[in-house]
PDB file of N, CA and C in Angstrom:
ATOM      1  N   UNK A   1      40.515  61.402  31.870  1.00  0.00           N
ATOM      2  CA  UNK A   1      39.410  60.649  31.313  1.00  0.00           C
ATOM      3  C   UNK A   1      38.996  59.566  32.300  1.00  0.00           C
ATOM      4  N   UNK A   2      37.708  59.434  32.562  1.00  0.00           N
ATOM      5  CA  UNK A   2      37.194  58.425  33.476  1.00  0.00           C
ATOM      6  C   UNK A   2      36.992  57.109  32.738  1.00  0.00           C
ATOM      7  N   UNK A   3      37.328  56.056  33.417  1.00  0.00           N
ATOM      8  CA  UNK A   3      37.128  54.713  32.880  1.00  0.00           C
ATOM      9  C   UNK A   3      36.006  54.044  33.646  1.00  0.00           C
ATOM     10  N   UNK A   4      35.324  53.134  33.004  1.00  0.00           N
ATOM     11  CA  UNK A   4      34.243  52.416  33.663  1.00  0.00           C
ATOM     12  C   UNK A   4      34.797  51.631  34.849  1.00  0.00           C
ATOM     13  N   UNK A   5      34.043  51.604  35.923  1.00  0.00           N
ATOM     14  CA  UNK A   5      34.461  50.846  37.095  1.00  0.00           C
ATOM     15  C   UNK A   5      33.796  49.482  37.151  1.00  0.00           C
ATOM     16  N   UNK A   6      32.801  49.261  36.297  1.00  0.00           N
ATOM     17  CA  UNK A   6      32.104  47.978  36.288  1.00  0.00           C
ATOM     18  C   UNK A   6      31.792  47.550  34.859  1.00  0.00           C
ATOM     19  N   UNK A   7      31.602  46.255  34.705  1.00  0.00           N
ATOM     20  CA  UNK A   7      31.028  45.729  33.467  1.00  0.00           C
ATOM     21  C   UNK A   7      29.798  44.942  33.881  1.00  0.00           C
ATOM     22  N   UNK A   8      28.833  44.864  32.990  1.00  0.00           N
ATOM     23  CA  UNK A   8      27.565  44.219  33.310  1.00  0.00           C
ATOM     24  C   UNK A   8      27.221  43.205  32.236  1.00  0.00           C
ATOM     25  N   UNK A   9      26.747  42.056  32.682  1.00  0.00           N
ATOM     26  CA  UNK A   9      26.225  41.084  31.734  1.00  0.00           C
ATOM     27  C   UNK A   9      24.971  40.464  32.330  1.00  0.00           C
ATOM     28  N   UNK A  10      24.104  40.006  31.471  1.00  0.00           N
ATOM     29  CA  UNK A  10      22.861  39.370  31.879  1.00  0.00           C
ATOM     30  C   UNK A  10      22.965  37.886  31.569  1.00  0.00           C
ATOM     31  N   UNK A  11      22.793  37.065  32.584  1.00  0.00           N
ATOM     32  CA  UNK A  11      22.870  35.613  32.442  1.00  0.00           C
ATOM     33  C   UNK A  11      21.560  34.996  32.919  1.00  0.00           C
ATOM     34  N   UNK A  12      20.694  34.632  31.999  1.00  0.00           N
ATOM     35  CA  UNK A  12      19.423  33.975  32.329  1.00  0.00           C
ATOM     36  C   UNK A  12      18.622  34.755  33.371  1.00  0.00           C
ATOM     37  N   UNK A  13      18.503  36.053  33.171  1.00  0.00           N
ATOM     38  CA  UNK A  13      17.719  36.892  34.076  1.00  0.00           C
ATOM     39  C   UNK A  13      18.463  37.344  35.323  1.00  0.00           C
ATOM     40  N   UNK A  14      19.730  37.000  35.425  1.00  0.00           N
ATOM     41  CA  UNK A  14      20.549  37.401  36.561  1.00  0.00           C
ATOM     42  C   UNK A  14      21.541  38.463  36.081  1.00  0.00           C
ATOM     43  N   UNK A  15      21.557  39.608  36.763  1.00  0.00           N
ATOM     44  CA  UNK A  15      22.480  40.680  36.416  1.00  0.00           C
ATOM     45  C   UNK A  15      23.798  40.446  37.141  1.00  0.00           C
ATOM     46  N   UNK A  16      24.876  40.314  36.368  1.00  0.00           N
ATOM     47  CA  UNK A  16      26.205  40.123  36.948  1.00  0.00           C
ATOM     48  C   UNK A  16      26.998  41.418  36.748  1.00  0.00           C
ATOM     49  N   UNK A  17      27.376  42.028  37.866  1.00  0.00           N
ATOM     50  CA  UNK A  17      28.149  43.264  37.855  1.00  0.00           C
ATOM     51  C   UNK A  17      29.566  42.911  38.285  1.00  0.00           C
ATOM     52  N   UNK A  18      30.511  43.080  37.370  1.00  0.00           N
ATOM     53  CA  UNK A  18      31.916  42.790  37.687  1.00  0.00           C
ATOM     54  C   UNK A  18      32.628  44.119  37.947  1.00  0.00           C
ATOM     55  N   UNK A  19      33.179  44.244  39.146  1.00  0.00           N
ATOM     56  CA  UNK A  19      33.906  45.455  39.515  1.00  0.00           C
ATOM     57  C   UNK A  19      35.312  45.343  38.931  1.00  0.00           C
ATOM     58  N   UNK A  20      35.719  46.342  38.138  1.00  0.00           N
ATOM     59  CA  UNK A  20      36.939  46.266  37.352  1.00  0.00           C
ATOM     60  C   UNK A  20      38.227  46.724  38.053  1.00  0.00           C
ATOM     61  N   UNK A  21      38.225  47.848  38.769  1.00  0.00           N
ATOM     62  CA  UNK A  21      39.500  48.284  39.335  1.00  0.00           C
ATOM     63  C   UNK A  21      39.937  47.422  40.522  1.00  0.00           C
ATOM     64  N   UNK A  22      41.251  47.346  40.742  1.00  0.00           N
ATOM     65  CA  UNK A  22      41.777  46.605  41.886  1.00  0.00           C
ATOM     66  C   UNK A  22      41.530  47.361  43.185  1.00  0.00           C
ATOM     67  N   UNK A  23      41.451  48.673  43.080  1.00  0.00           N
ATOM     68  CA  UNK A  23      41.211  49.500  44.265  1.00  0.00           C
ATOM     69  C   UNK A  23      40.021  50.420  43.998  1.00  0.00           C
ATOM     70  N   UNK A  24      39.073  50.407  44.924  1.00  0.00           N
ATOM     71  CA  UNK A  24      37.926  51.305  44.822  1.00  0.00           C
ATOM     72  C   UNK A  24      38.055  52.300  45.971  1.00  0.00           C
ATOM     73  N   UNK A  25      38.524  53.498  45.644  1.00  0.00           N
ATOM     74  CA  UNK A  25      38.708  54.539  46.646  1.00  0.00           C
ATOM     75  C   UNK A  25      38.747  55.897  45.960  1.00  0.00           C
ATOM     76  N   UNK A  26      38.598  56.952  46.748  1.00  0.00           N
ATOM     77  CA  UNK A  26      38.601  58.336  46.282  1.00  0.00           C
ATOM     78  C   UNK A  26      37.661  58.540  45.094  1.00  0.00           C
ATOM     79  N   UNK A  27      38.174  59.059  43.982  1.00  0.00           N
ATOM     80  CA  UNK A  27      37.312  59.346  42.834  1.00  0.00           C
ATOM     81  C   UNK A  27      36.714  58.087  42.228  1.00  0.00           C
ATOM     82  N   UNK A  28      37.433  56.988  42.328  1.00  0.00           N
ATOM     83  CA  UNK A  28      36.902  55.728  41.805  1.00  0.00           C
ATOM     84  C   UNK A  28      35.614  55.360  42.523  1.00  0.00           C
ATOM     85  N   UNK A  29      35.557  55.561  43.839  1.00  0.00           N
ATOM     86  CA  UNK A  29      34.354  55.188  44.590  1.00  0.00           C
ATOM     87  C   UNK A  29      33.161  56.066  44.206  1.00  0.00           C
ATOM     88  N   UNK A  30      33.411  57.325  43.861  1.00  0.00           N
ATOM     89  CA  UNK A  30      32.320  58.202  43.422  1.00  0.00           C
ATOM     90  C   UNK A  30      31.737  57.701  42.098  1.00  0.00           C
ATOM     91  N   UNK A  31      32.603  57.375  41.174  1.00  0.00           N
ATOM     92  CA  UNK A  31      32.146  56.864  39.881  1.00  0.00           C
ATOM     93  C   UNK A  31      31.475  55.501  40.055  1.00  0.00           C
ATOM     94  N   UNK A  32      32.047  54.664  40.917  1.00  0.00           N
ATOM     95  CA  UNK A  32      31.490  53.347  41.220  1.00  0.00           C
ATOM     96  C   UNK A  32      30.041  53.495  41.711  1.00  0.00           C
ATOM     97  N   UNK A  33      29.810  54.438  42.615  1.00  0.00           N
ATOM     98  CA  UNK A  33      28.462  54.673  43.145  1.00  0.00           C
ATOM     99  C   UNK A  33      27.493  55.070  42.020  1.00  0.00           C
ATOM    100  N   UNK A  34      27.908  56.011  41.184  1.00  0.00           N
ATOM    101  CA  UNK A  34      27.043  56.458  40.087  1.00  0.00           C
ATOM    102  C   UNK A  34      26.697  55.305  39.144  1.00  0.00           C
ATOM    103  N   UNK A  35      27.686  54.500  38.794  1.00  0.00           N
ATOM    104  CA  UNK A  35      27.448  53.397  37.867  1.00  0.00           C
ATOM    105  C   UNK A  35      26.547  52.331  38.488  1.00  0.00           C
ATOM    106  N   UNK A  36      26.774  51.994  39.751  1.00  0.00           N
ATOM    107  CA  UNK A  36      25.947  50.976  40.419  1.00  0.00           C
ATOM    108  C   UNK A  36      24.500  51.450  40.521  1.00  0.00           C
ATOM    109  N   UNK A  37      24.281  52.682  40.922  1.00  0.00           N
ATOM    110  CA  UNK A  37      22.913  53.206  41.035  1.00  0.00           C
ATOM    111  C   UNK A  37      22.219  53.167  39.677  1.00  0.00           C
ATOM    112  N   UNK A  38      22.916  53.569  38.638  1.00  0.00           N
ATOM    113  CA  UNK A  38      22.345  53.541  37.293  1.00  0.00           C
ATOM    114  C   UNK A  38      21.969  52.111  36.888  1.00  0.00           C
ATOM    115  N   UNK A  39      22.823  51.157  37.157  1.00  0.00           N
ATOM    116  CA  UNK A  39      22.561  49.758  36.807  1.00  0.00           C
ATOM    117  C   UNK A  39      21.384  49.218  37.600  1.00  0.00           C
ATOM    118  N   UNK A  40      21.347  49.510  38.894  1.00  0.00           N
ATOM    119  CA  UNK A  40      20.286  48.959  39.742  1.00  0.00           C
ATOM    120  C   UNK A  40      18.919  49.508  39.388  1.00  0.00           C
ATOM    121  N   UNK A  41      18.869  50.685  38.814  1.00  0.00           N
ATOM    122  CA  UNK A  41      17.583  51.247  38.410  1.00  0.00           C
ATOM    123  C   UNK A  41      16.916  50.408  37.327  1.00  0.00           C
ATOM    124  N   UNK A  42      17.721  49.681  36.566  1.00  0.00           N
ATOM    125  CA  UNK A  42      17.145  48.862  35.496  1.00  0.00           C
ATOM    126  C   UNK A  42      17.478  47.376  35.659  1.00  0.00           C
ATOM    127  N   UNK A  43      18.093  47.010  36.780  1.00  0.00           N
ATOM    128  CA  UNK A  43      18.550  45.635  36.970  1.00  0.00           C
ATOM    129  C   UNK A  43      17.398  44.681  37.287  1.00  0.00           C
ATOM    130  N   UNK A  44      17.639  43.440  37.000  1.00  0.00           N
ATOM    131  CA  UNK A  44      16.714  42.377  37.377  1.00  0.00           C
ATOM    132  C   UNK A  44      16.691  42.263  38.900  1.00  0.00           C
ATOM    133  N   UNK A  45      15.842  41.400  39.400  1.00  0.00           N
ATOM    134  CA  UNK A  45      15.736  41.233  40.846  1.00  0.00           C
ATOM    135  C   UNK A  45      16.815  40.328  41.416  1.00  0.00           C
ATOM    136  N   UNK A  46      17.550  39.662  40.556  1.00  0.00           N
ATOM    137  CA  UNK A  46      18.657  38.813  40.999  1.00  0.00           C
ATOM    138  C   UNK A  46      19.953  39.453  40.519  1.00  0.00           C
ATOM    139  N   UNK A  47      20.812  39.844  41.473  1.00  0.00           N
ATOM    140  CA  UNK A  47      22.029  40.576  41.138  1.00  0.00           C
ATOM    141  C   UNK A  47      23.229  39.941  41.833  1.00  0.00           C
ATOM    142  N   UNK A  48      24.316  39.808  41.077  1.00  0.00           N
ATOM    143  CA  UNK A  48      25.592  39.354  41.619  1.00  0.00           C
ATOM    144  C   UNK A  48      26.586  40.485  41.430  1.00  0.00           C
ATOM    145  N   UNK A  49      27.324  40.796  42.490  1.00  0.00           N
ATOM    146  CA  UNK A  49      28.435  41.738  42.380  1.00  0.00           C
ATOM    147  C   UNK A  49      29.716  40.933  42.573  1.00  0.00           C
ATOM    148  N   UNK A  50      30.505  40.879  41.513  1.00  0.00           N
ATOM    149  CA  UNK A  50      31.741  40.105  41.495  1.00  0.00           C
ATOM    150  C   UNK A  50      32.913  41.012  41.858  1.00  0.00           C
ATOM    151  N   UNK A  51      33.537  40.712  43.007  1.00  0.00           N
ATOM    152  CA  UNK A  51      34.661  41.516  43.491  1.00  0.00           C
ATOM    153  C   UNK A  51      35.994  40.787  43.314  1.00  0.00           C
ATOM    154  N   UNK A  52      36.059  39.832  42.420  1.00  0.00           N
ATOM    155  CA  UNK A  52      37.249  38.986  42.293  1.00  0.00           C
ATOM    156  C   UNK A  52      38.501  39.740  41.836  1.00  0.00           C
ATOM    157  N   UNK A  53      38.358  40.946  41.336  1.00  0.00           N
ATOM    158  CA  UNK A  53      39.520  41.753  40.934  1.00  0.00           C
ATOM    159  C   UNK A  53      39.908  42.779  41.998  1.00  0.00           C
ATOM    160  N   UNK A  54      39.048  42.979  42.970  1.00  0.00           N
ATOM    161  CA  UNK A  54      39.228  44.064  43.943  1.00  0.00           C
ATOM    162  C   UNK A  54      40.026  43.585  45.148  1.00  0.00           C
ATOM    163  N   UNK A  55      41.145  44.269  45.430  1.00  0.00           N
ATOM    164  CA  UNK A  55      41.911  43.914  46.616  1.00  0.00           C
ATOM    165  C   UNK A  55      41.848  44.989  47.703  1.00  0.00           C
ATOM    166  N   UNK A  56      41.192  46.120  47.411  1.00  0.00           N
ATOM    167  CA  UNK A  56      41.028  47.160  48.416  1.00  0.00           C
ATOM    168  C   UNK A  56      39.828  48.028  48.065  1.00  0.00           C
ATOM    169  N   UNK A  57      39.035  48.369  49.108  1.00  0.00           N
ATOM    170  CA  UNK A  57      37.866  49.215  48.906  1.00  0.00           C
ATOM    171  C   UNK A  57      37.704  50.078  50.150  1.00  0.00           C
ATOM    172  N   UNK A  58      37.488  51.360  49.950  1.00  0.00           N
ATOM    173  CA  UNK A  58      37.312  52.243  51.103  1.00  0.00           C
ATOM    174  C   UNK A  58      35.867  52.171  51.606  1.00  0.00           C
ATOM    175  N   UNK A  59      35.594  52.931  52.669  1.00  0.00           N
ATOM    176  CA  UNK A  59      34.265  52.892  53.270  1.00  0.00           C
ATOM    177  C   UNK A  59      33.186  53.392  52.316  1.00  0.00           C
ATOM    178  N   UNK A  60      33.532  54.323  51.433  1.00  0.00           N
ATOM    179  CA  UNK A  60      32.550  54.810  50.458  1.00  0.00           C
ATOM    180  C   UNK A  60      32.159  53.689  49.498  1.00  0.00           C
ATOM    181  N   UNK A  61      33.131  52.908  49.055  1.00  0.00           N
ATOM    182  CA  UNK A  61      32.840  51.768  48.186  1.00  0.00           C
ATOM    183  C   UNK A  61      31.995  50.721  48.892  1.00  0.00           C
ATOM    184  N   UNK A  62      32.323  50.438  50.155  1.00  0.00           N
ATOM    185  CA  UNK A  62      31.530  49.487  50.937  1.00  0.00           C
ATOM    186  C   UNK A  62      30.113  50.014  51.129  1.00  0.00           C
ATOM    187  N   UNK A  63      29.993  51.324  51.309  1.00  0.00           N
ATOM    188  CA  UNK A  63      28.668  51.932  51.435  1.00  0.00           C
ATOM    189  C   UNK A  63      27.836  51.734  50.181  1.00  0.00           C
ATOM    190  N   UNK A  64      28.477  51.759  49.032  1.00  0.00           N
ATOM    191  CA  UNK A  64      27.772  51.510  47.762  1.00  0.00           C
ATOM    192  C   UNK A  64      27.226  50.086  47.746  1.00  0.00           C
ATOM    193  N   UNK A  65      28.009  49.133  48.225  1.00  0.00           N
ATOM    194  CA  UNK A  65      27.541  47.743  48.275  1.00  0.00           C
ATOM    195  C   UNK A  65      26.334  47.607  49.204  1.00  0.00           C
ATOM    196  N   UNK A  66      26.388  48.290  50.345  1.00  0.00           N
ATOM    197  CA  UNK A  66      25.264  48.260  51.291  1.00  0.00           C
ATOM    198  C   UNK A  66      24.033  48.895  50.661  1.00  0.00           C
ATOM    199  N   UNK A  67      24.215  50.023  49.998  1.00  0.00           N
ATOM    200  CA  UNK A  67      23.115  50.686  49.292  1.00  0.00           C
ATOM    201  C   UNK A  67      22.505  49.753  48.245  1.00  0.00           C
ATOM    202  N   UNK A  68      23.364  49.088  47.487  1.00  0.00           N
ATOM    203  CA  UNK A  68      22.886  48.172  46.448  1.00  0.00           C
ATOM    204  C   UNK A  68      22.059  47.048  47.058  1.00  0.00           C
ATOM    205  N   UNK A  69      22.548  46.460  48.140  1.00  0.00           N
ATOM    206  CA  UNK A  69      21.813  45.381  48.808  1.00  0.00           C
ATOM    207  C   UNK A  69      20.446  45.863  49.279  1.00  0.00           C
ATOM    208  N   UNK A  70      20.426  47.001  49.953  1.00  0.00           N
ATOM    209  CA  UNK A  70      19.166  47.531  50.475  1.00  0.00           C
ATOM    210  C   UNK A  70      18.178  47.840  49.355  1.00  0.00           C
ATOM    211  N   UNK A  71      18.681  48.406  48.274  1.00  0.00           N
ATOM    212  CA  UNK A  71      17.822  48.763  47.138  1.00  0.00           C
ATOM    213  C   UNK A  71      17.200  47.510  46.506  1.00  0.00           C
ATOM    214  N   UNK A  72      17.999  46.485  46.332  1.00  0.00           N
ATOM    215  CA  UNK A  72      17.504  45.230  45.737  1.00  0.00           C
ATOM    216  C   UNK A  72      16.514  44.544  46.678  1.00  0.00           C
ATOM    217  N   UNK A  73      16.831  44.490  47.973  1.00  0.00           N
ATOM    218  CA  UNK A  73      15.937  43.834  48.931  1.00  0.00           C
ATOM    219  C   UNK A  73      14.589  44.534  49.022  1.00  0.00           C
ATOM    220  N   UNK A  74      14.575  45.869  48.937  1.00  0.00           N
ATOM    221  CA  UNK A  74      13.311  46.619  48.996  1.00  0.00           C
ATOM    222  C   UNK A  74      12.398  46.259  47.830  1.00  0.00           C
ATOM    223  N   UNK A  75      12.990  45.863  46.702  1.00  0.00           N
ATOM    224  CA  UNK A  75      12.195  45.466  45.537  1.00  0.00           C
ATOM    225  C   UNK A  75      11.848  43.985  45.556  1.00  0.00           C
ATOM    226  N   UNK A  76      12.233  43.309  46.631  1.00  0.00           N
ATOM    227  CA  UNK A  76      11.940  41.887  46.735  1.00  0.00           C
ATOM    228  C   UNK A  76      12.961  41.010  46.031  1.00  0.00           C
ATOM    229  N   UNK A  77      14.116  41.576  45.738  1.00  0.00           N
ATOM    230  CA  UNK A  77      15.146  40.830  45.031  1.00  0.00           C
ATOM    231  C   UNK A  77      16.201  40.262  45.956  1.00  0.00           C
ATOM    232  N   UNK A  78      17.264  39.790  45.345  1.00  0.00           N
ATOM    233  CA  UNK A  78      18.355  39.168  46.082  1.00  0.00           C
ATOM    234  C   UNK A  78      19.683  39.619  45.484  1.00  0.00           C
ATOM    235  N   UNK A  79      20.639  39.899  46.361  1.00  0.00           N
ATOM    236  CA  UNK A  79      21.963  40.332  45.927  1.00  0.00           C
ATOM    237  C   UNK A  79      22.999  39.396  46.543  1.00  0.00           C
ATOM    238  N   UNK A  80      23.920  38.924  45.722  1.00  0.00           N
ATOM    239  CA  UNK A  80      25.011  38.064  46.178  1.00  0.00           C
ATOM    240  C   UNK A  80      26.325  38.742  45.815  1.00  0.00           C
ATOM    241  N   UNK A  81      27.255  38.748  46.753  1.00  0.00           N
ATOM    242  CA  UNK A  81      28.606  39.243  46.507  1.00  0.00           C
ATOM    243  C   UNK A  81      29.509  38.027  46.396  1.00  0.00           C
ATOM    244  N   UNK A  82      30.369  38.024  45.385  1.00  0.00           N
ATOM    245  CA  UNK A  82      31.239  36.858  45.207  1.00  0.00           C
ATOM    246  C   UNK A  82      32.677  37.275  44.909  1.00  0.00           C
ATOM    247  N   UNK A  83      33.562  36.305  45.049  1.00  0.00           N
ATOM    248  CA  UNK A  83      34.942  36.469  44.632  1.00  0.00           C
ATOM    249  C   UNK A  83      35.818  37.300  45.547  1.00  0.00           C
ATOM    250  N   UNK A  84      35.533  37.313  46.846  1.00  0.00           N
ATOM    251  CA  UNK A  84      36.344  38.126  47.745  1.00  0.00           C
ATOM    252  C   UNK A  84      37.771  37.604  47.834  1.00  0.00           C
ATOM    253  N   UNK A  85      38.728  38.489  47.578  1.00  0.00           N
ATOM    254  CA  UNK A  85      40.137  38.165  47.764  1.00  0.00           C
ATOM    255  C   UNK A  85      40.466  38.269  49.258  1.00  0.00           C
ATOM    256  N   UNK A  86      41.634  37.803  49.653  1.00  0.00           N
ATOM    257  CA  UNK A  86      41.998  37.735  51.075  1.00  0.00           C
ATOM    258  C   UNK A  86      41.780  39.047  51.820  1.00  0.00           C
ATOM    259  N   UNK A  87      42.282  40.154  51.281  1.00  0.00           N
ATOM    260  CA  UNK A  87      42.151  41.444  51.964  1.00  0.00           C
ATOM    261  C   UNK A  87      40.687  41.842  52.095  1.00  0.00           C
ATOM    262  N   UNK A  88      39.918  41.630  51.045  1.00  0.00           N
ATOM    263  CA  UNK A  88      38.496  41.982  51.094  1.00  0.00           C
ATOM    264  C   UNK A  88      37.746  41.064  52.070  1.00  0.00           C
ATOM    265  N   UNK A  89      38.105  39.799  52.128  1.00  0.00           N
ATOM    266  CA  UNK A  89      37.487  38.887  53.098  1.00  0.00           C
ATOM    267  C   UNK A  89      37.744  39.384  54.513  1.00  0.00           C
ATOM    268  N   UNK A  90      38.965  39.851  54.748  1.00  0.00           N
ATOM    269  CA  UNK A  90      39.327  40.374  56.064  1.00  0.00           C
ATOM    270  C   UNK A  90      38.530  41.637  56.387  1.00  0.00           C
ATOM    271  N   UNK A  91      38.399  42.536  55.420  1.00  0.00           N
ATOM    272  CA  UNK A  91      37.614  43.759  55.618  1.00  0.00           C
ATOM    273  C   UNK A  91      36.158  43.410  55.922  1.00  0.00           C
ATOM    274  N   UNK A  92      35.587  42.498  55.159  1.00  0.00           N
ATOM    275  CA  UNK A  92      34.196  42.093  55.382  1.00  0.00           C
ATOM    276  C   UNK A  92      34.033  41.481  56.766  1.00  0.00           C
ATOM    277  N   UNK A  93      34.985  40.659  57.188  1.00  0.00           N
ATOM    278  CA  UNK A  93      34.900  40.028  58.511  1.00  0.00           C
ATOM    279  C   UNK A  93      35.013  41.069  59.623  1.00  0.00           C
ATOM    280  N   UNK A  94      35.975  41.972  59.522  1.00  0.00           N
ATOM    281  CA  UNK A  94      36.169  42.997  60.558  1.00  0.00           C
ATOM    282  C   UNK A  94      34.958  43.898  60.716  1.00  0.00           C
ATOM    283  N   UNK A  95      34.282  44.174  59.601  1.00  0.00           N
ATOM    284  CA  UNK A  95      33.122  45.065  59.639  1.00  0.00           C
ATOM    285  C   UNK A  95      31.808  44.291  59.773  1.00  0.00           C
ATOM    286  N   UNK A  96      31.901  42.977  59.949  1.00  0.00           N
ATOM    287  CA  UNK A  96      30.738  42.090  60.080  1.00  0.00           C
ATOM    288  C   UNK A  96      29.842  42.114  58.851  1.00  0.00           C
ATOM    289  N   UNK A  97      30.413  42.480  57.724  1.00  0.00           N
ATOM    290  CA  UNK A  97      29.649  42.471  56.478  1.00  0.00           C
ATOM    291  C   UNK A  97      29.495  41.055  55.935  1.00  0.00           C
ATOM    292  N   UNK A  98      30.306  40.129  56.436  1.00  0.00           N
ATOM    293  CA  UNK A  98      30.197  38.741  56.000  1.00  0.00           C
ATOM    294  C   UNK A  98      28.895  38.104  56.470  1.00  0.00           C
ATOM    295  N   UNK A  99      28.267  38.680  57.495  1.00  0.00           N
ATOM    296  CA  UNK A  99      26.960  38.189  57.923  1.00  0.00           C
ATOM    297  C   UNK A  99      25.823  39.044  57.357  1.00  0.00           C
ATOM    298  N   UNK A 100      26.149  40.188  56.794  1.00  0.00           N
ATOM    299  CA  UNK A 100      25.158  41.096  56.219  1.00  0.00           C
ATOM    300  C   UNK A 100      24.846  40.744  54.775  1.00  0.00           C
ATOM    301  N   UNK A 101      25.864  40.285  54.039  1.00  0.00           N
ATOM    302  CA  UNK A 101      25.712  39.943  52.627  1.00  0.00           C
ATOM    303  C   UNK A 101      25.677  38.433  52.436  1.00  0.00           C
ATOM    304  N   UNK A 102      24.991  38.020  51.386  1.00  0.00           N
ATOM    305  CA  UNK A 102      25.126  36.640  50.925  1.00  0.00           C
ATOM    306  C   UNK A 102      26.435  36.590  50.153  1.00  0.00           C
ATOM    307  N   UNK A 103      27.349  35.737  50.571  1.00  0.00           N
ATOM    308  CA  UNK A 103      28.662  35.639  49.940  1.00  0.00           C
ATOM    309  C   UNK A 103      28.838  34.275  49.295  1.00  0.00           C
ATOM    310  N   UNK A 104      29.492  34.275  48.148  1.00  0.00           N
ATOM    311  CA  UNK A 104      29.860  33.042  47.453  1.00  0.00           C
ATOM    312  C   UNK A 104      31.317  33.153  47.039  1.00  0.00           C
ATOM    313  N   UNK A 105      32.006  32.031  46.932  1.00  0.00           N
ATOM    314  CA  UNK A 105      33.430  32.086  46.602  1.00  0.00           C
ATOM    315  C   UNK A 105      33.717  32.571  45.184  1.00  0.00           C
ATOM    316  N   UNK A 106      32.798  32.304  44.257  1.00  0.00           N
ATOM    317  CA  UNK A 106      33.036  32.700  42.863  1.00  0.00           C
ATOM    318  C   UNK A 106      31.707  32.927  42.153  1.00  0.00           C
ATOM    319  N   UNK A 107      31.813  33.485  40.964  1.00  0.00           N
ATOM    320  CA  UNK A 107      30.626  33.855  40.191  1.00  0.00           C
ATOM    321  C   UNK A 107      29.822  32.625  39.751  1.00  0.00           C
ATOM    322  N   UNK A 108      30.505  31.565  39.409  1.00  0.00           N
ATOM    323  CA  UNK A 108      29.810  30.352  38.955  1.00  0.00           C
ATOM    324  C   UNK A 108      28.915  29.785  40.056  1.00  0.00           C
ATOM    325  N   UNK A 109      29.428  29.751  41.292  1.00  0.00           N
ATOM    326  CA  UNK A 109      28.633  29.258  42.425  1.00  0.00           C
ATOM    327  C   UNK A 109      27.452  30.185  42.690  1.00  0.00           C
ATOM    328  N   UNK A 110      27.697  31.485  42.622  1.00  0.00           N
ATOM    329  CA  UNK A 110      26.617  32.459  42.835  1.00  0.00           C
ATOM    330  C   UNK A 110      25.531  32.301  41.783  1.00  0.00           C
ATOM    331  N   UNK A 111      25.923  32.139  40.524  1.00  0.00           N
ATOM    332  CA  UNK A 111      24.943  31.936  39.446  1.00  0.00           C
ATOM    333  C   UNK A 111      24.137  30.671  39.681  1.00  0.00           C
ATOM    334  N   UNK A 112      24.793  29.601  40.058  1.00  0.00           N
ATOM    335  CA  UNK A 112      24.097  28.328  40.306  1.00  0.00           C
ATOM    336  C   UNK A 112      23.080  28.485  41.424  1.00  0.00           C
ATOM    337  N   UNK A 113      23.468  29.169  42.499  1.00  0.00           N
ATOM    338  CA  UNK A 113      22.547  29.386  43.625  1.00  0.00           C
ATOM    339  C   UNK A 113      21.344  30.224  43.210  1.00  0.00           C
ATOM    340  N   UNK A 114      21.577  31.297  42.470  1.00  0.00           N
ATOM    341  CA  UNK A 114      20.471  32.173  42.080  1.00  0.00           C
ATOM    342  C   UNK A 114      19.556  31.527  41.046  1.00  0.00           C
ATOM    343  N   UNK A 115      20.058  30.630  40.255  1.00  0.00           N
ATOM    344  CA  UNK A 115      19.194  29.910  39.313  1.00  0.00           C
ATOM    345  C   UNK A 115      18.173  29.046  40.043  1.00  0.00           C
ATOM    346  N   UNK A 116      18.544  28.584  41.240  1.00  0.00           N
ATOM    347  CA  UNK A 116      17.651  27.726  42.031  1.00  0.00           C
ATOM    348  C   UNK A 116      16.601  28.511  42.776  1.00  0.00           C
ATOM    349  N   UNK A 117      16.792  29.833  42.912  1.00  0.00           N
ATOM    350  CA  UNK A 117      15.866  30.666  43.703  1.00  0.00           C
ATOM    351  C   UNK A 117      14.714  31.114  42.836  1.00  0.00           C
TER     352      UNK A 117
END
């Protein structure tokens, strides 16, 4: 049985996507991609992806994040990634994704920033 890989909530017009599994890889990354694409098709223009539970993500999962960013930017929106744990911060730095994404330390800071935009 497949379990949801994300939960979604709407906060004052901002879509907050919380990634649930600690590891996004193999079959999890396939389901993660399907769920993110489905959410983005109906998401607001301001989106936060909260990775505070994720301590490992394979290249397919990272590709989903890149796809999400590109999709939101094409619509004139903004995407913020927040809550990177140590291992994920290291992965983002090694792949130079820390300069590709808008990053915030936590969801509260990301929400505050997007409310001002």
